[in-house]
PDB file of N, CA and C in Angstrom:
ATOM      1  N   UNK A   1      -2.447  13.039 -23.581  1.00  0.00           N
ATOM      2  CA  UNK A   1      -2.051  13.524 -22.530  1.00  0.00           C
ATOM      3  C   UNK A   1      -2.750  12.237 -21.921  1.00  0.00           C
ATOM      4  N   UNK A   2      -3.558  11.749 -22.574  1.00  0.00           N
ATOM      5  CA  UNK A   2      -3.662  10.378 -21.930  1.00  0.00           C
ATOM      6  C   UNK A   2      -2.819   9.368 -21.445  1.00  0.00           C
ATOM      7  N   UNK A   3      -1.664   9.848 -21.938  1.00  0.00           N
ATOM      8  CA  UNK A   3      -0.535   8.521 -22.057  1.00  0.00           C
ATOM      9  C   UNK A   3       0.352   9.272 -20.333  1.00  0.00           C
ATOM     10  N   UNK A   4      -0.046  10.495 -20.483  1.00  0.00           N
ATOM     11  CA  UNK A   4       0.336  11.346 -19.332  1.00  0.00           C
ATOM     12  C   UNK A   4      -0.347  10.885 -17.950  1.00  0.00           C
ATOM     13  N   UNK A   5      -1.516  10.740 -18.051  1.00  0.00           N
ATOM     14  CA  UNK A   5      -2.003  10.552 -16.870  1.00  0.00           C
ATOM     15  C   UNK A   5      -2.040   9.038 -16.051  1.00  0.00           C
ATOM     16  N   UNK A   6      -1.880   7.904 -17.142  1.00  0.00           N
ATOM     17  CA  UNK A   6      -1.620   6.585 -17.195  1.00  0.00           C
ATOM     18  C   UNK A   6      -0.266   6.584 -16.261  1.00  0.00           C
ATOM     19  N   UNK A   7       0.921   7.155 -16.933  1.00  0.00           N
ATOM     20  CA  UNK A   7       2.089   7.213 -16.200  1.00  0.00           C
ATOM     21  C   UNK A   7       2.413   7.533 -14.910  1.00  0.00           C
ATOM     22  N   UNK A   8       1.392   8.599 -14.465  1.00  0.00           N
ATOM     23  CA  UNK A   8       1.210   9.250 -13.440  1.00  0.00           C
ATOM     24  C   UNK A   8       0.533   8.161 -12.330  1.00  0.00           C
ATOM     25  N   UNK A   9      -0.588   7.523 -12.493  1.00  0.00           N
ATOM     26  CA  UNK A   9      -1.178   6.376 -12.109  1.00  0.00           C
ATOM     27  C   UNK A   9      -0.417   5.739 -11.750  1.00  0.00           C
ATOM     28  N   UNK A  10       0.281   4.850 -12.815  1.00  0.00           N
ATOM     29  CA  UNK A  10       1.086   4.030 -12.578  1.00  0.00           C
ATOM     30  C   UNK A  10       2.322   4.208 -11.867  1.00  0.00           C
ATOM     31  N   UNK A  11       2.691   5.008 -11.310  1.00  0.00           N
ATOM     32  CA  UNK A  11       4.095   5.540 -11.117  1.00  0.00           C
ATOM     33  C   UNK A  11       3.381   5.580  -9.283  1.00  0.00           C
ATOM     34  N   UNK A  12       2.375   6.603  -9.307  1.00  0.00           N
ATOM     35  CA  UNK A  12       1.747   6.248  -7.617  1.00  0.00           C
ATOM     36  C   UNK A  12       1.588   5.026  -7.412  1.00  0.00           C
ATOM     37  N   UNK A  13       0.953   4.053  -8.162  1.00  0.00           N
ATOM     38  CA  UNK A  13       0.631   2.998  -8.060  1.00  0.00           C
ATOM     39  C   UNK A  13       1.347   2.114  -7.353  1.00  0.00           C
ATOM     40  N   UNK A  14       2.985   1.772  -8.621  1.00  0.00           N
ATOM     41  CA  UNK A  14       3.741   1.265  -8.080  1.00  0.00           C
ATOM     42  C   UNK A  14       4.751   1.609  -6.884  1.00  0.00           C
ATOM     43  N   UNK A  15       4.555   2.383  -6.335  1.00  0.00           N
ATOM     44  CA  UNK A  15       5.565   3.063  -5.064  1.00  0.00           C
ATOM     45  C   UNK A  15       4.475   2.987  -3.719  1.00  0.00           C
ATOM     46  N   UNK A  16       3.001   2.846  -4.429  1.00  0.00           N
ATOM     47  CA  UNK A  16       2.437   2.186  -2.936  1.00  0.00           C
ATOM     48  C   UNK A  16       2.286   0.516  -2.575  1.00  0.00           C
ATOM     49  N   UNK A  17       2.517   0.270  -4.230  1.00  0.00           N
ATOM     50  CA  UNK A  17       2.594  -1.498  -3.750  1.00  0.00           C
ATOM     51  C   UNK A  17       3.924  -1.881  -3.247  1.00  0.00           C
ATOM     52  N   UNK A  18       5.063  -1.005  -3.534  1.00  0.00           N
ATOM     53  CA  UNK A  18       6.345  -1.631  -3.266  1.00  0.00           C
ATOM     54  C   UNK A  18       6.361  -0.988  -1.598  1.00  0.00           C
ATOM     55  N   UNK A  19       6.079   0.039  -1.381  1.00  0.00           N
ATOM     56  CA  UNK A  19       6.289   0.582  -0.143  1.00  0.00           C
ATOM     57  C   UNK A  19       5.140  -0.311   0.742  1.00  0.00           C
ATOM     58  N   UNK A  20       4.234  -1.106   0.208  1.00  0.00           N
ATOM     59  CA  UNK A  20       3.489  -2.262   1.318  1.00  0.00           C
ATOM     60  C   UNK A  20       3.969  -2.964   1.641  1.00  0.00           C
ATOM     61  N   UNK A  21       4.847  -3.704   0.355  1.00  0.00           N
ATOM     62  CA  UNK A  21       5.730  -5.028   0.588  1.00  0.00           C
ATOM     63  C   UNK A  21       6.709  -4.732   1.542  1.00  0.00           C
ATOM     64  N   UNK A  22       7.824  -3.504   1.234  1.00  0.00           N
ATOM     65  CA  UNK A  22       8.251  -3.244   2.527  1.00  0.00           C
ATOM     66  C   UNK A  22       7.911  -3.596   3.996  1.00  0.00           C
ATOM     67  N   UNK A  23       6.473  -2.994   4.510  1.00  0.00           N
ATOM     68  CA  UNK A  23       6.007  -3.435   5.593  1.00  0.00           C
ATOM     69  C   UNK A  23       5.557  -4.582   5.608  1.00  0.00           C
ATOM     70  N   UNK A  24       4.873  -5.215   4.907  1.00  0.00           N
ATOM     71  CA  UNK A  24       3.994  -6.843   5.349  1.00  0.00           C
ATOM     72  C   UNK A  24       4.855  -7.382   5.048  1.00  0.00           C
ATOM     73  N   UNK A  25       6.402  -8.015   4.449  1.00  0.00           N
ATOM     74  CA  UNK A  25       6.797  -8.967   4.104  1.00  0.00           C
ATOM     75  C   UNK A  25       7.728  -9.431   5.383  1.00  0.00           C
ATOM     76  N   UNK A  26       8.262  -8.609   5.678  1.00  0.00           N
ATOM     77  CA  UNK A  26       8.824  -8.421   7.412  1.00  0.00           C
ATOM     78  C   UNK A  26       8.172  -8.948   8.449  1.00  0.00           C
ATOM     79  N   UNK A  27       6.203  -8.180   8.405  1.00  0.00           N
ATOM     80  CA  UNK A  27       5.551  -8.765   9.632  1.00  0.00           C
ATOM     81  C   UNK A  27       5.164  -9.868   9.271  1.00  0.00           C
ATOM     82  N   UNK A  28       5.102 -10.520   8.069  1.00  0.00           N
ATOM     83  CA  UNK A  28       4.567 -11.677   7.446  1.00  0.00           C
ATOM     84  C   UNK A  28       5.788 -13.030   7.607  1.00  0.00           C
ATOM     85  N   UNK A  29       7.020 -12.616   7.606  1.00  0.00           N
ATOM     86  CA  UNK A  29       8.142 -13.477   8.104  1.00  0.00           C
ATOM     87  C   UNK A  29       7.973 -13.464   9.425  1.00  0.00           C
ATOM     88  N   UNK A  30       7.881 -12.502  10.283  1.00  0.00           N
ATOM     89  CA  UNK A  30       7.644 -12.468  11.628  1.00  0.00           C
ATOM     90  C   UNK A  30       6.864 -13.484  12.168  1.00  0.00           C
ATOM     91  N   UNK A  31       5.800 -13.247  11.565  1.00  0.00           N
ATOM     92  CA  UNK A  31       4.928 -13.729  12.034  1.00  0.00           C
ATOM     93  C   UNK A  31       4.533 -15.392  11.693  1.00  0.00           C
ATOM     94  N   UNK A  32       5.424 -15.890  10.785  1.00  0.00           N
ATOM     95  CA  UNK A  32       5.425 -17.492  10.364  1.00  0.00           C
ATOM     96  C   UNK A  32       6.874 -17.819  11.301  1.00  0.00           C
ATOM     97  N   UNK A  33       7.684 -17.171  11.372  1.00  0.00           N
ATOM     98  CA  UNK A  33       8.603 -17.800  12.673  1.00  0.00           C
ATOM     99  C   UNK A  33       7.778 -17.487  13.900  1.00  0.00           C
ATOM    100  N   UNK A  34       7.359 -16.674  14.075  1.00  0.00           N
ATOM    101  CA  UNK A  34       6.676 -16.747  15.337  1.00  0.00           C
ATOM    102  C   UNK A  34       5.771 -17.925  16.144  1.00  0.00           C
ATOM    103  N   UNK A  35       4.993 -18.231  14.936  1.00  0.00           N
ATOM    104  CA  UNK A  35       3.742 -18.956  15.056  1.00  0.00           C
ATOM    105  C   UNK A  35       3.940 -19.940  14.259  1.00  0.00           C
ATOM    106  N   UNK A  36       5.269 -20.552  14.142  1.00  0.00           N
ATOM    107  CA  UNK A  36       5.354 -21.790  13.151  1.00  0.00           C
ATOM    108  C   UNK A  36       4.713 -23.195  13.632  1.00  0.00           C
ATOM    109  N   UNK A  37       4.816 -23.339  15.042  1.00  0.00           N
ATOM    110  CA  UNK A  37       4.426 -24.705  15.861  1.00  0.00           C
ATOM    111  C   UNK A  37       2.954 -24.378  16.085  1.00  0.00           C
ATOM    112  N   UNK A  38       2.325 -23.225  16.109  1.00  0.00           N
ATOM    113  CA  UNK A  38       0.846 -23.043  16.341  1.00  0.00           C
ATOM    114  C   UNK A  38       0.000 -23.928  15.220  1.00  0.00           C
ATOM    115  N   UNK A  39      -1.416 -24.325  15.473  1.00  0.00           N
ATOM    116  CA  UNK A  39      -1.906 -25.279  14.477  1.00  0.00           C
ATOM    117  C   UNK A  39      -2.657 -24.287  13.231  1.00  0.00           C
ATOM    118  N   UNK A  40      -3.146 -23.334  14.277  1.00  0.00           N
ATOM    119  CA  UNK A  40      -3.778 -22.072  13.181  1.00  0.00           C
ATOM    120  C   UNK A  40      -3.148 -20.756  12.962  1.00  0.00           C
ATOM    121  N   UNK A  41      -1.755 -20.581  13.943  1.00  0.00           N
ATOM    122  CA  UNK A  41      -1.599 -19.206  13.825  1.00  0.00           C
ATOM    123  C   UNK A  41      -0.612 -19.219  12.884  1.00  0.00           C
ATOM    124  N   UNK A  42      -0.075 -19.907  12.349  1.00  0.00           N
ATOM    125  CA  UNK A  42       0.854 -20.454  10.996  1.00  0.00           C
ATOM    126  C   UNK A  42       0.458 -19.478   9.644  1.00  0.00           C
ATOM    127  N   UNK A  43      -1.219 -19.595   9.368  1.00  0.00           N
ATOM    128  CA  UNK A  43      -1.750 -19.034   8.825  1.00  0.00           C
ATOM    129  C   UNK A  43      -1.833 -17.638   8.469  1.00  0.00           C
ATOM    130  N   UNK A  44      -1.837 -17.000   9.770  1.00  0.00           N
ATOM    131  CA  UNK A  44      -1.922 -15.707   9.916  1.00  0.00           C
ATOM    132  C   UNK A  44      -0.570 -15.040   8.856  1.00  0.00           C
ATOM    133  N   UNK A  45       0.462 -15.559   9.129  1.00  0.00           N
ATOM    134  CA  UNK A  45       1.636 -15.016   8.059  1.00  0.00           C
ATOM    135  C   UNK A  45       1.103 -14.709   6.581  1.00  0.00           C
ATOM    136  N   UNK A  46       0.098 -15.689   6.294  1.00  0.00           N
ATOM    137  CA  UNK A  46      -0.203 -15.777   4.883  1.00  0.00           C
ATOM    138  C   UNK A  46      -1.082 -14.603   4.308  1.00  0.00           C
ATOM    139  N   UNK A  47      -2.346 -14.357   5.788  1.00  0.00           N
ATOM    140  CA  UNK A  47      -3.071 -13.300   5.720  1.00  0.00           C
ATOM    141  C   UNK A  47      -2.258 -11.807   5.234  1.00  0.00           C
ATOM    142  N   UNK A  48      -1.138 -11.891   6.458  1.00  0.00           N
ATOM    143  CA  UNK A  48      -0.589 -10.815   6.199  1.00  0.00           C
ATOM    144  C   UNK A  48       0.154  -9.974   5.171  1.00  0.00           C
ATOM    145  N   UNK A  49       0.831 -11.599   4.773  1.00  0.00           N
ATOM    146  CA  UNK A  49       1.669 -10.785   2.956  1.00  0.00           C
ATOM    147  C   UNK A  49       0.245 -10.724   2.187  1.00  0.00           C
ATOM    148  N   UNK A  50      -1.102 -11.540   1.940  1.00  0.00           N
ATOM    149  CA  UNK A  50      -2.078 -11.042   1.124  1.00  0.00           C
ATOM    150  C   UNK A  50      -2.778  -9.837   1.228  1.00  0.00           C
ATOM    151  N   UNK A  51      -2.781  -9.392   2.097  1.00  0.00           N
ATOM    152  CA  UNK A  51      -3.104  -8.202   2.675  1.00  0.00           C
ATOM    153  C   UNK A  51      -1.903  -7.097   2.183  1.00  0.00           C
ATOM    154  N   UNK A  52      -0.462  -6.914   2.129  1.00  0.00           N
ATOM    155  CA  UNK A  52       0.386  -6.756   1.584  1.00  0.00           C
ATOM    156  C   UNK A  52       0.072  -6.330   0.026  1.00  0.00           C
ATOM    157  N   UNK A  53      -0.364  -7.315  -0.632  1.00  0.00           N
ATOM    158  CA  UNK A  53      -0.841  -7.003  -2.176  1.00  0.00           C
ATOM    159  C   UNK A  53      -1.933  -6.816  -2.622  1.00  0.00           C
ATOM    160  N   UNK A  54      -3.347  -7.384  -1.643  1.00  0.00           N
ATOM    161  CA  UNK A  54      -4.343  -7.284  -1.920  1.00  0.00           C
ATOM    162  C   UNK A  54      -4.950  -5.805  -1.766  1.00  0.00           C
ATOM    163  N   UNK A  55      -4.737  -4.673  -0.372  1.00  0.00           N
ATOM    164  CA  UNK A  55      -4.789  -3.768  -0.100  1.00  0.00           C
ATOM    165  C   UNK A  55      -3.971  -2.825  -1.086  1.00  0.00           C
ATOM    166  N   UNK A  56      -3.228  -2.634  -1.782  1.00  0.00           N
ATOM    167  CA  UNK A  56      -2.477  -1.510  -2.733  1.00  0.00           C
ATOM    168  C   UNK A  56      -3.492  -2.072  -4.239  1.00  0.00           C
ATOM    169  N   UNK A  57      -3.351  -3.376  -4.261  1.00  0.00           N
ATOM    170  CA  UNK A  57      -4.302  -3.844  -5.578  1.00  0.00           C
ATOM    171  C   UNK A  57      -5.702  -3.070  -5.562  1.00  0.00           C
ATOM    172  N   UNK A  58      -6.262  -3.181  -4.911  1.00  0.00           N
ATOM    173  CA  UNK A  58      -7.693  -2.736  -4.660  1.00  0.00           C
ATOM    174  C   UNK A  58      -7.948  -0.899  -4.239  1.00  0.00           C
ATOM    175  N   UNK A  59      -7.464  -0.869  -3.176  1.00  0.00           N
ATOM    176  CA  UNK A  59      -7.281   0.696  -2.641  1.00  0.00           C
ATOM    177  C   UNK A  59      -6.534   1.413  -3.595  1.00  0.00           C
ATOM    178  N   UNK A  60      -5.441   0.841  -3.359  1.00  0.00           N
ATOM    179  CA  UNK A  60      -4.023   1.893  -4.125  1.00  0.00           C
ATOM    180  C   UNK A  60      -4.465   1.834  -5.369  1.00  0.00           C
ATOM    181  N   UNK A  61      -4.854   0.863  -6.331  1.00  0.00           N
ATOM    182  CA  UNK A  61      -5.353   1.679  -7.679  1.00  0.00           C
ATOM    183  C   UNK A  61      -6.387   2.832  -7.735  1.00  0.00           C
ATOM    184  N   UNK A  62      -7.092   2.973  -6.759  1.00  0.00           N
ATOM    185  CA  UNK A  62      -8.062   3.837  -6.650  1.00  0.00           C
ATOM    186  C   UNK A  62      -7.741   5.079  -6.377  1.00  0.00           C
ATOM    187  N   UNK A  63      -6.877   5.178  -5.608  1.00  0.00           N
ATOM    188  CA  UNK A  63      -6.483   6.239  -4.716  1.00  0.00           C
ATOM    189  C   UNK A  63      -5.369   7.010  -5.980  1.00  0.00           C
ATOM    190  N   UNK A  64      -4.412   5.979  -6.234  1.00  0.00           N
ATOM    191  CA  UNK A  64      -3.775   6.529  -6.982  1.00  0.00           C
ATOM    192  C   UNK A  64      -4.430   7.464  -8.930  1.00  0.00           C
ATOM    193  N   UNK A  65      -5.528   6.387  -9.139  1.00  0.00           N
ATOM    194  CA  UNK A  65      -5.920   6.941 -10.177  1.00  0.00           C
ATOM    195  C   UNK A  65      -6.784   8.419  -9.798  1.00  0.00           C
ATOM    196  N   UNK A  66      -6.967   8.592  -8.340  1.00  0.00           N
ATOM    197  CA  UNK A  66      -7.532  10.025  -8.300  1.00  0.00           C
ATOM    198  C   UNK A  66      -6.704  10.735  -8.244  1.00  0.00           C
ATOM    199  N   UNK A  67      -5.429  10.506  -7.378  1.00  0.00           N
ATOM    200  CA  UNK A  67      -4.113  11.336  -7.703  1.00  0.00           C
ATOM    201  C   UNK A  67      -3.938  11.766  -9.082  1.00  0.00           C
ATOM    202  N   UNK A  68      -4.093  11.177  -9.728  1.00  0.00           N
ATOM    203  CA  UNK A  68      -3.307  11.169 -11.076  1.00  0.00           C
ATOM    204  C   UNK A  68      -4.384  12.093 -12.163  1.00  0.00           C
ATOM    205  N   UNK A  69      -5.771  11.638 -11.848  1.00  0.00           N
ATOM    206  CA  UNK A  69      -6.464  12.575 -12.416  1.00  0.00           C
ATOM    207  C   UNK A  69      -6.476  14.167 -12.047  1.00  0.00           C
ATOM    208  N   UNK A  70      -6.422  14.109 -10.417  1.00  0.00           N
ATOM    209  CA  UNK A  70      -6.225  15.420 -10.455  1.00  0.00           C
ATOM    210  C   UNK A  70      -5.294  16.321 -10.669  1.00  0.00           C
ATOM    211  N   UNK A  71      -4.253  15.606 -11.229  1.00  0.00           N
ATOM    212  CA  UNK A  71      -3.069  16.463 -11.594  1.00  0.00           C
ATOM    213  C   UNK A  71      -3.219  16.343 -13.086  1.00  0.00           C
ATOM    214  N   UNK A  72      -3.665  15.748 -13.520  1.00  0.00           N
ATOM    215  CA  UNK A  72      -4.550  16.007 -15.072  1.00  0.00           C
ATOM    216  C   UNK A  72      -5.244  16.797 -15.403  1.00  0.00           C
ATOM    217  N   UNK A  73      -6.492  17.051 -14.657  1.00  0.00           N
ATOM    218  CA  UNK A  73      -7.278  17.874 -14.312  1.00  0.00           C
ATOM    219  C   UNK A  73      -6.621  19.214 -14.039  1.00  0.00           C
ATOM    220  N   UNK A  74      -5.570  19.348 -13.681  1.00  0.00           N
ATOM    221  CA  UNK A  74      -4.740  20.859 -12.911  1.00  0.00           C
ATOM    222  C   UNK A  74      -3.840  21.093 -14.361  1.00  0.00           C
ATOM    223  N   UNK A  75      -3.644  20.258 -14.789  1.00  0.00           N
ATOM    224  CA  UNK A  75      -2.606  20.530 -15.929  1.00  0.00           C
ATOM    225  C   UNK A  75      -1.168  20.378 -15.392  1.00  0.00           C
ATOM    226  N   UNK A  76      -0.918  20.037 -14.464  1.00  0.00           N
ATOM    227  CA  UNK A  76       0.673  19.411 -13.802  1.00  0.00           C
ATOM    228  C   UNK A  76       1.188  18.089 -14.572  1.00  0.00           C
ATOM    229  N   UNK A  77       2.632  18.306 -14.481  1.00  0.00           N
ATOM    230  CA  UNK A  77       3.224  17.152 -14.615  1.00  0.00           C
ATOM    231  C   UNK A  77       3.528  16.690 -13.166  1.00  0.00           C
ATOM    232  N   UNK A  78       3.876  15.492 -13.373  1.00  0.00           N
ATOM    233  CA  UNK A  78       4.331  14.982 -11.877  1.00  0.00           C
ATOM    234  C   UNK A  78       5.973  14.259 -12.120  1.00  0.00           C
ATOM    235  N   UNK A  79       6.515  14.573 -11.344  1.00  0.00           N
ATOM    236  CA  UNK A  79       8.082  14.347 -11.359  1.00  0.00           C
ATOM    237  C   UNK A  79       7.897  12.899 -10.510  1.00  0.00           C
ATOM    238  N   UNK A  80       9.203  12.034 -10.973  1.00  0.00           N
ATOM    239  CA  UNK A  80       9.153  10.659  -9.963  1.00  0.00           C
ATOM    240  C   UNK A  80       8.997  10.983  -8.335  1.00  0.00           C
ATOM    241  N   UNK A  81       9.646  11.822  -7.969  1.00  0.00           N
ATOM    242  CA  UNK A  81       9.704  12.227  -6.531  1.00  0.00           C
ATOM    243  C   UNK A  81       8.365  12.681  -6.219  1.00  0.00           C
ATOM    244  N   UNK A  82       7.404  12.996  -7.083  1.00  0.00           N
ATOM    245  CA  UNK A  82       6.147  13.290  -6.391  1.00  0.00           C
ATOM    246  C   UNK A  82       5.548  12.100  -6.245  1.00  0.00           C
ATOM    247  N   UNK A  83       5.686  11.043  -7.265  1.00  0.00           N
ATOM    248  CA  UNK A  83       4.660   9.721  -7.431  1.00  0.00           C
ATOM    249  C   UNK A  83       5.299   8.739  -5.984  1.00  0.00           C
ATOM    250  N   UNK A  84       6.883   8.964  -5.728  1.00  0.00           N
ATOM    251  CA  UNK A  84       7.423   8.387  -4.628  1.00  0.00           C
ATOM    252  C   UNK A  84       6.558   8.543  -3.347  1.00  0.00           C
ATOM    253  N   UNK A  85       6.535  10.287  -3.350  1.00  0.00           N
ATOM    254  CA  UNK A  85       5.775  10.445  -2.288  1.00  0.00           C
ATOM    255  C   UNK A  85       4.218  10.460  -2.213  1.00  0.00           C
ATOM    256  N   UNK A  86       3.672  10.771  -3.003  1.00  0.00           N
ATOM    257  CA  UNK A  86       1.954  10.080  -2.856  1.00  0.00           C
ATOM    258  C   UNK A  86       2.168   8.511  -2.934  1.00  0.00           C
ATOM    259  N   UNK A  87       3.056   7.612  -3.431  1.00  0.00           N
ATOM    260  CA  UNK A  87       2.834   6.216  -2.822  1.00  0.00           C
ATOM    261  C   UNK A  87       3.153   5.569  -1.769  1.00  0.00           C
ATOM    262  N   UNK A  88       4.285   6.399  -1.128  1.00  0.00           N
ATOM    263  CA  UNK A  88       4.703   5.786   0.139  1.00  0.00           C
ATOM    264  C   UNK A  88       3.677   6.653   1.263  1.00  0.00           C
ATOM    265  N   UNK A  89       3.250   8.102   0.935  1.00  0.00           N
ATOM    266  CA  UNK A  89       2.357   8.424   1.834  1.00  0.00           C
ATOM    267  C   UNK A  89       1.185   7.640   1.830  1.00  0.00           C
ATOM    268  N   UNK A  90       0.532   6.630   1.102  1.00  0.00           N
ATOM    269  CA  UNK A  90      -0.685   6.036   1.207  1.00  0.00           C
ATOM    270  C   UNK A  90      -0.147   5.029   1.597  1.00  0.00           C
ATOM    271  N   UNK A  91       0.890   4.490   2.211  1.00  0.00           N
ATOM    272  CA  UNK A  91       1.137   3.263   2.669  1.00  0.00           C
ATOM    273  C   UNK A  91       1.465   3.862   4.389  1.00  0.00           C
ATOM    274  N   UNK A  92       1.912   4.958   4.495  1.00  0.00           N
ATOM    275  CA  UNK A  92       1.976   5.508   6.024  1.00  0.00           C
ATOM    276  C   UNK A  92       0.654   5.651   6.497  1.00  0.00           C
ATOM    277  N   UNK A  93      -0.199   5.900   5.787  1.00  0.00           N
ATOM    278  CA  UNK A  93      -1.685   6.815   6.281  1.00  0.00           C
ATOM    279  C   UNK A  93      -2.142   4.908   6.531  1.00  0.00           C
ATOM    280  N   UNK A  94      -1.811   4.314   5.792  1.00  0.00           N
ATOM    281  CA  UNK A  94      -2.586   2.838   6.273  1.00  0.00           C
ATOM    282  C   UNK A  94      -1.742   2.346   7.744  1.00  0.00           C
ATOM    283  N   UNK A  95      -0.701   2.573   7.534  1.00  0.00           N
ATOM    284  CA  UNK A  95      -0.027   2.007   8.844  1.00  0.00           C
ATOM    285  C   UNK A  95      -0.289   3.143   9.700  1.00  0.00           C
ATOM    286  N   UNK A  96      -0.258   4.555  10.230  1.00  0.00           N
ATOM    287  CA  UNK A  96      -0.604   4.540  10.984  1.00  0.00           C
ATOM    288  C   UNK A  96      -2.032   4.387  11.510  1.00  0.00           C
ATOM    289  N   UNK A  97      -2.990   4.248  10.367  1.00  0.00           N
ATOM    290  CA  UNK A  97      -4.445   3.868  10.985  1.00  0.00           C
ATOM    291  C   UNK A  97      -4.724   2.692  11.157  1.00  0.00           C
ATOM    292  N   UNK A  98      -3.492   1.580  11.242  1.00  0.00           N
ATOM    293  CA  UNK A  98      -3.632   0.351  11.729  1.00  0.00           C
ATOM    294  C   UNK A  98      -3.263   0.444  13.092  1.00  0.00           C
ATOM    295  N   UNK A  99      -2.533   0.960  13.414  1.00  0.00           N
ATOM    296  CA  UNK A  99      -1.743   1.357  14.730  1.00  0.00           C
ATOM    297  C   UNK A  99      -2.421   2.361  16.127  1.00  0.00           C
ATOM    298  N   UNK A 100      -3.147   2.882  14.933  1.00  0.00           N
ATOM    299  CA  UNK A 100      -3.855   3.855  16.183  1.00  0.00           C
ATOM    300  C   UNK A 100      -5.180   3.636  16.153  1.00  0.00           C
ATOM    301  N   UNK A 101      -6.040   2.690  15.722  1.00  0.00           N
ATOM    302  CA  UNK A 101      -7.195   2.890  15.706  1.00  0.00           C
ATOM    303  C   UNK A 101      -7.692   2.103  17.293  1.00  0.00           C
ATOM    304  N   UNK A 102      -8.355   2.342  17.776  1.00  0.00           N
ATOM    305  CA  UNK A 102      -8.980   1.540  19.033  1.00  0.00           C
ATOM    306  C   UNK A 102      -9.738   0.223  19.206  1.00  0.00           C
ATOM    307  N   UNK A 103      -9.186  -0.709  19.664  1.00  0.00           N
ATOM    308  CA  UNK A 103      -9.388  -2.125  19.278  1.00  0.00           C
ATOM    309  C   UNK A 103     -10.695  -2.138  19.736  1.00  0.00           C
ATOM    310  N   UNK A 104     -11.490  -3.141  19.184  1.00  0.00           N
ATOM    311  CA  UNK A 104     -12.731  -3.751  19.785  1.00  0.00           C
ATOM    312  C   UNK A 104     -12.917  -3.843  21.287  1.00  0.00           C
ATOM    313  N   UNK A 105     -11.475  -4.929  21.367  1.00  0.00           N
ATOM    314  CA  UNK A 105     -11.600  -5.479  23.035  1.00  0.00           C
ATOM    315  C   UNK A 105     -11.433  -4.593  24.087  1.00  0.00           C
ATOM    316  N   UNK A 106     -11.104  -3.249  24.180  1.00  0.00           N
ATOM    317  CA  UNK A 106     -10.408  -2.801  25.087  1.00  0.00           C
ATOM    318  C   UNK A 106     -11.927  -2.025  25.887  1.00  0.00           C
TER     319      UNK A 106
END
């Protein structure tokens, strides 16, 4: 049973990581292209790419483990489509919160 929880956690985590990179790599490349002549702005693309990797590794591991723990406690099996849904759902929630929060400059 322990192996099944590890497979669930790993599936959700991988989908969260891949979907996060799907959003952050184009954003980082766009920032690199548009800010390539700026003295400090070109380093923003590096921070965007790092957030696309560091975010899912830190928060994604915890939330994926929590989802797998709930499934294990309920005695349910997770099909791969559910792992896809939960992993991309985590990224979707991060993107929505990022775009909808009220900025401090307003």
